[in-house]
Amino acid sequence: MKKGIHPENYRVVVFKDMSDGTQFFSRSTAATKDTIEIDGVRD
């Protein structure tokens, strides 16, 4: 990844599909106050 092209708050986050409960990791700048642990990774 090129340095300096992403915002400072660009990080790994967990998204959850509320229709079926599927959860997956992605990268985002979305603000959140919640945290969750998946497969030993806390986000």
C-alpha atoms as a PDB file:
ATOM      1  CA  MET A   1       0.000   0.000   0.000  1.00  0.00           C
ATOM      2  CA  LYS A   2       1.322   3.424  -0.849  1.00  0.00           C
ATOM      3  CA  LYS A   3       2.103   5.574   2.147  1.00  0.00           C
ATOM      4  CA  GLY A   4       0.320   8.872   2.636  1.00  0.00           C
ATOM      5  CA  ILE A   5      -2.694   8.224   0.379  1.00  0.00           C
ATOM      6  CA  HIS A   6      -5.134   6.931   3.015  1.00  0.00           C
ATOM      7  CA  PRO A   7      -6.635   8.870   5.920  1.00  0.00           C
ATOM      8  CA  GLU A   8      -5.084   8.320   9.364  1.00  0.00           C
ATOM      9  CA  ASN A   9      -8.198   6.480  10.591  1.00  0.00           C
ATOM     10  CA  TYR A  10      -8.147   3.912   7.727  1.00  0.00           C
ATOM     11  CA  ARG A  11      -8.114   0.592   9.593  1.00  0.00           C
ATOM     12  CA  VAL A  12      -9.397  -2.968   9.744  1.00  0.00           C
ATOM     13  CA  VAL A  13     -13.051  -3.134  10.837  1.00  0.00           C
ATOM     14  CA  VAL A  14     -15.693  -5.841  11.131  1.00  0.00           C
ATOM     15  CA  PHE A  15     -18.892  -5.507   9.167  1.00  0.00           C
ATOM     16  CA  LYS A  16     -21.960  -7.527  10.149  1.00  0.00           C
ATOM     17  CA  ASP A  17     -24.800  -8.369   7.776  1.00  0.00           C
ATOM     18  CA  MET A  18     -27.868  -7.851   9.956  1.00  0.00           C
ATOM     19  CA  SER A  19     -30.052 -10.075   7.736  1.00  0.00           C
ATOM     20  CA  ASP A  20     -28.123 -13.304   8.394  1.00  0.00           C
ATOM     21  CA  GLY A  21     -25.441 -12.422  10.977  1.00  0.00           C
ATOM     22  CA  THR A  22     -22.492 -12.932   8.604  1.00  0.00           C
ATOM     23  CA  GLN A  23     -19.400 -11.033   9.787  1.00  0.00           C
ATOM     24  CA  PHE A  24     -16.308 -10.157   7.779  1.00  0.00           C
ATOM     25  CA  PHE A  25     -13.167  -8.054   8.036  1.00  0.00           C
ATOM     26  CA  SER A  26     -12.571  -5.127   5.712  1.00  0.00           C
ATOM     27  CA  ARG A  27     -10.825  -1.773   5.854  1.00  0.00           C
ATOM     28  CA  SER A  28     -12.728   1.442   6.420  1.00  0.00           C
ATOM     29  CA  THR A  29     -12.721   4.924   7.863  1.00  0.00           C
ATOM     30  CA  ALA A  30     -16.212   4.406   9.335  1.00  0.00           C
ATOM     31  CA  ALA A  31     -16.449   5.772  12.864  1.00  0.00           C
ATOM     32  CA  THR A  32     -17.614   3.347  15.566  1.00  0.00           C
ATOM     33  CA  LYS A  33     -17.682   3.015  19.328  1.00  0.00           C
ATOM     34  CA  ASP A  34     -18.373  -0.748  19.365  1.00  0.00           C
ATOM     35  CA  THR A  35     -15.789  -3.525  19.452  1.00  0.00           C
ATOM     36  CA  ILE A  36     -16.063  -7.246  18.691  1.00  0.00           C
ATOM     37  CA  GLU A  37     -13.723 -10.253  18.744  1.00  0.00           C
ATOM     38  CA  ILE A  38     -13.632 -12.681  15.812  1.00  0.00           C
ATOM     39  CA  ASP A  39     -11.169 -15.581  15.583  1.00  0.00           C
ATOM     40  CA  GLY A  40      -9.044 -14.053  18.339  1.00  0.00           C
ATOM     41  CA  VAL A  41      -8.852 -10.651  16.592  1.00  0.00           C
ATOM     42  CA  ARG A  42     -10.437  -7.779  18.475  1.00  0.00           C
ATOM     43  CA  ASP A  43     -11.788  -4.811  16.575  1.00  0.00           C
END
